[in-house]
C-alpha atoms as a PDB file:
ATOM      1  CA  MET A   1       5.626  -2.753 -18.803  1.00  0.00           C
ATOM      2  CA  SER A   2       4.841  -6.353 -18.111  1.00  0.00           C
ATOM      3  CA  ALA A   3       1.550  -8.076 -18.719  1.00  0.00           C
ATOM      4  CA  VAL A   4      -1.466  -7.782 -16.504  1.00  0.00           C
ATOM      5  CA  ASN A   5      -1.035 -10.495 -13.906  1.00  0.00           C
ATOM      6  CA  THR A   6      -3.499  -9.460 -11.213  1.00  0.00           C
ATOM      7  CA  LEU A   7      -7.209  -8.678 -11.358  1.00  0.00           C
ATOM      8  CA  ILE A   8      -8.799  -7.355  -8.172  1.00  0.00           C
ATOM      9  CA  TYR A   9     -12.533  -7.225  -7.540  1.00  0.00           C
ATOM     10  CA  PRO A  10     -13.878  -4.918  -4.813  1.00  0.00           C
ATOM     11  CA  VAL A  11     -16.514  -6.820  -2.821  1.00  0.00           C
ATOM     12  CA  ALA A  12     -18.963  -5.840  -0.106  1.00  0.00           C
ATOM     13  CA  ASP A  13     -19.648  -9.367   1.161  1.00  0.00           C
ATOM     14  CA  LEU A  14     -16.367 -11.267   1.198  1.00  0.00           C
ATOM     15  CA  ALA A  15     -17.886 -14.607   2.237  1.00  0.00           C
ATOM     16  CA  ALA A  16     -20.514 -14.525  -0.531  1.00  0.00           C
ATOM     17  CA  ALA A  17     -17.969 -13.438  -3.151  1.00  0.00           C
ATOM     18  CA  LYS A  18     -15.578 -16.176  -2.033  1.00  0.00           C
ATOM     19  CA  GLN A  19     -18.273 -18.815  -2.593  1.00  0.00           C
ATOM     20  CA  VAL A  20     -18.983 -17.525  -6.097  1.00  0.00           C
ATOM     21  CA  PHE A  21     -15.335 -17.226  -7.151  1.00  0.00           C
ATOM     22  CA  THR A  22     -14.336 -20.584  -5.653  1.00  0.00           C
ATOM     23  CA  THR A  23     -17.105 -22.165  -7.731  1.00  0.00           C
ATOM     24  CA  LEU A  24     -16.270 -20.138 -10.848  1.00  0.00           C
ATOM     25  CA  LEU A  25     -12.525 -20.784 -10.697  1.00  0.00           C
ATOM     26  CA  GLY A  26     -12.806 -24.396  -9.530  1.00  0.00           C
ATOM     27  CA  THR A  27     -10.122 -23.997  -6.884  1.00  0.00           C
ATOM     28  CA  GLU A  28      -9.711 -22.920  -3.282  1.00  0.00           C
ATOM     29  CA  PRO A  29      -8.003 -19.609  -2.543  1.00  0.00           C
ATOM     30  CA  HIS A  30      -4.272 -19.651  -1.776  1.00  0.00           C
ATOM     31  CA  THR A  31      -4.766 -16.686   0.563  1.00  0.00           C
ATOM     32  CA  ASP A  32      -7.922 -16.456   2.658  1.00  0.00           C
ATOM     33  CA  GLU A  33      -7.768 -13.489   5.018  1.00  0.00           C
ATOM     34  CA  SER A  34     -10.344 -10.965   6.194  1.00  0.00           C
ATOM     35  CA  TYR A  35      -8.614  -8.255   4.131  1.00  0.00           C
ATOM     36  CA  TYR A  36      -7.825 -10.256   0.945  1.00  0.00           C
ATOM     37  CA  VAL A  37      -8.790 -13.513  -0.741  1.00  0.00           C
ATOM     38  CA  GLY A  38      -6.504 -14.533  -3.575  1.00  0.00           C
ATOM     39  CA  TYR A  39      -6.637 -17.276  -6.188  1.00  0.00           C
ATOM     40  CA  SER A  40      -3.963 -18.330  -8.651  1.00  0.00           C
ATOM     41  CA  VAL A  41      -5.293 -19.641 -11.951  1.00  0.00           C
ATOM     42  CA  ASP A  42      -2.690 -20.510 -14.590  1.00  0.00           C
ATOM     43  CA  GLY A  43      -0.348 -17.840 -13.240  1.00  0.00           C
ATOM     44  CA  GLN A  44      -3.086 -15.202 -13.099  1.00  0.00           C
ATOM     45  CA  GLU A  45      -3.893 -13.705  -9.696  1.00  0.00           C
ATOM     46  CA  ILE A  46      -7.621 -13.182  -9.138  1.00  0.00           C
ATOM     47  CA  ALA A  47      -8.346 -11.404  -5.873  1.00  0.00           C
ATOM     48  CA  LEU A  48     -11.244 -10.185  -3.765  1.00  0.00           C
ATOM     49  CA  ASP A  49     -10.744  -7.009  -1.733  1.00  0.00           C
ATOM     50  CA  PRO A  50     -13.389  -6.183   0.890  1.00  0.00           C
ATOM     51  CA  ASN A  51     -11.843  -2.697   1.231  1.00  0.00           C
ATOM     52  CA  GLY A  52     -11.761  -2.054  -2.507  1.00  0.00           C
ATOM     53  CA  HIS A  53     -14.852   0.169  -2.639  1.00  0.00           C
ATOM     54  CA  ARG A  54     -13.472   2.299   0.196  1.00  0.00           C
ATOM     55  CA  LYS A  55     -10.231   2.667  -1.793  1.00  0.00           C
ATOM     56  CA  GLY A  56     -12.203   3.959  -4.766  1.00  0.00           C
ATOM     57  CA  LEU A  57     -12.376   0.807  -6.886  1.00  0.00           C
ATOM     58  CA  THR A  58     -15.636   0.797  -8.811  1.00  0.00           C
ATOM     59  CA  GLY A  59     -15.228  -2.571 -10.503  1.00  0.00           C
ATOM     60  CA  ALA A  60     -12.708  -5.223 -11.418  1.00  0.00           C
ATOM     61  CA  THR A  61      -9.326  -3.547 -11.809  1.00  0.00           C
ATOM     62  CA  PRO A  62      -6.412  -4.963 -13.790  1.00  0.00           C
ATOM     63  CA  TYR A  63      -2.963  -4.423 -12.266  1.00  0.00           C
ATOM     64  CA  TRP A  64       0.150  -4.188 -14.439  1.00  0.00           C
ATOM     65  CA  SER A  65       3.470  -5.234 -12.895  1.00  0.00           C
ATOM     66  CA  VAL A  66       6.084  -2.519 -13.372  1.00  0.00           C
ATOM     67  CA  ASP A  67       9.751  -2.198 -12.443  1.00  0.00           C
ATOM     68  CA  ASP A  68       9.513   1.418 -11.228  1.00  0.00           C
ATOM     69  CA  LEU A  69       6.136   2.412  -9.796  1.00  0.00           C
ATOM     70  CA  GLU A  70       6.969   6.091  -9.257  1.00  0.00           C
ATOM     71  CA  ALA A  71       8.309   6.529 -12.801  1.00  0.00           C
ATOM     72  CA  THR A  72       5.295   4.728 -14.264  1.00  0.00           C
ATOM     73  CA  VAL A  73       2.816   6.876 -12.311  1.00  0.00           C
ATOM     74  CA  ALA A  74       4.694  10.009 -13.408  1.00  0.00           C
ATOM     75  CA  ALA A  75       4.709   8.917 -17.070  1.00  0.00           C
ATOM     76  CA  LEU A  76       1.016   8.005 -17.032  1.00  0.00           C
ATOM     77  CA  THR A  77      -0.008  11.300 -15.410  1.00  0.00           C
ATOM     78  CA  ALA A  78       2.141  13.195 -17.947  1.00  0.00           C
ATOM     79  CA  ALA A  79       0.217  11.319 -20.647  1.00  0.00           C
ATOM     80  CA  GLY A  80      -3.116  12.490 -19.209  1.00  0.00           C
ATOM     81  CA  ALA A  81      -4.067   9.905 -16.572  1.00  0.00           C
ATOM     82  CA  THR A  82      -5.123  11.028 -13.097  1.00  0.00           C
ATOM     83  CA  VAL A  83      -4.246   9.351  -9.823  1.00  0.00           C
ATOM     84  CA  SER A  84      -7.207   7.719  -8.091  1.00  0.00           C
ATOM     85  CA  GLN A  85      -5.240   5.878  -5.384  1.00  0.00           C
ATOM     86  CA  GLN A  86      -1.804   7.145  -4.400  1.00  0.00           C
ATOM     87  CA  PRO A  87       1.009   4.578  -4.243  1.00  0.00           C
ATOM     88  CA  THR A  88       0.325   2.449  -1.180  1.00  0.00           C
ATOM     89  CA  ALA A  89       2.356  -0.333   0.431  1.00  0.00           C
ATOM     90  CA  VAL A  90       0.081  -3.365   0.735  1.00  0.00           C
ATOM     91  CA  GLY A  91       2.463  -5.816   2.380  1.00  0.00           C
ATOM     92  CA  GLY A  92       4.930  -8.400   1.228  1.00  0.00           C
ATOM     93  CA  GLY A  93       7.122  -5.711  -0.321  1.00  0.00           C
ATOM     94  CA  ARG A  94       4.404  -4.781  -2.827  1.00  0.00           C
ATOM     95  CA  THR A  95       3.268  -1.229  -3.607  1.00  0.00           C
ATOM     96  CA  VAL A  96       0.216  -0.432  -5.720  1.00  0.00           C
ATOM     97  CA  ALA A  97      -1.405   2.647  -7.252  1.00  0.00           C
ATOM     98  CA  VAL A  98      -4.558   3.186  -9.311  1.00  0.00           C
ATOM     99  CA  LEU A  99      -4.941   5.731 -12.076  1.00  0.00           C
ATOM    100  CA  LEU A 100      -7.840   6.722 -14.322  1.00  0.00           C
ATOM    101  CA  ASP A 101      -7.599   7.242 -18.052  1.00  0.00           C
ATOM    102  CA  ALA A 102      -9.511  10.059 -19.798  1.00  0.00           C
ATOM    103  CA  ASP A 103     -12.676   7.922 -19.821  1.00  0.00           C
ATOM    104  CA  GLY A 104     -12.473   6.997 -16.133  1.00  0.00           C
ATOM    105  CA  ASN A 105     -11.212   3.452 -16.740  1.00  0.00           C
ATOM    106  CA  MET A 106      -9.125   2.152 -13.866  1.00  0.00           C
ATOM    107  CA  ILE A 107      -5.491   1.235 -14.448  1.00  0.00           C
ATOM    108  CA  GLY A 108      -3.734  -0.502 -11.570  1.00  0.00           C
ATOM    109  CA  VAL A 109       0.049  -0.620 -11.381  1.00  0.00           C
ATOM    110  CA  MET A 110       2.112  -2.624  -8.903  1.00  0.00           C
ATOM    111  CA  GLN A 111       5.735  -3.072  -7.988  1.00  0.00           C
ATOM    112  CA  GLY A 112       7.203  -5.828  -5.874  1.00  0.00           C
END
C-alpha cells in the first residue's frame, strides 16, 4: 500500500466549510464544485464532501492509494474489516471504498 494522500471531510454546509479550510490551509481550492472542494497542500489532498454524511462518513476519513482496489478490499475484509461504502466510481478514473476496522474507525481506499 502507498501512503495516505487524501483526507476527506464530510460537511453539511459546503460554503461555510470552504471559508474555514481556505483560511486554515492558506490557499484557494484547486477544485471548487458543488459536489467536491479540493485543496492540495504539499502533495496532500484535503477535500470537503457535501455528500459525505449521506455516504456514511462520520468524520475526516483518510484514503490510502492502492494498486488493486478489489484485492485490497478482499484482503481487509478477510482480516476482519467490514465494508461501509462499496467500491464506487467517483470520476476521473478513480474508484473509492470505505471500510471499518473492529473499532469502527474508517479506512478509505482508492484506485486511479
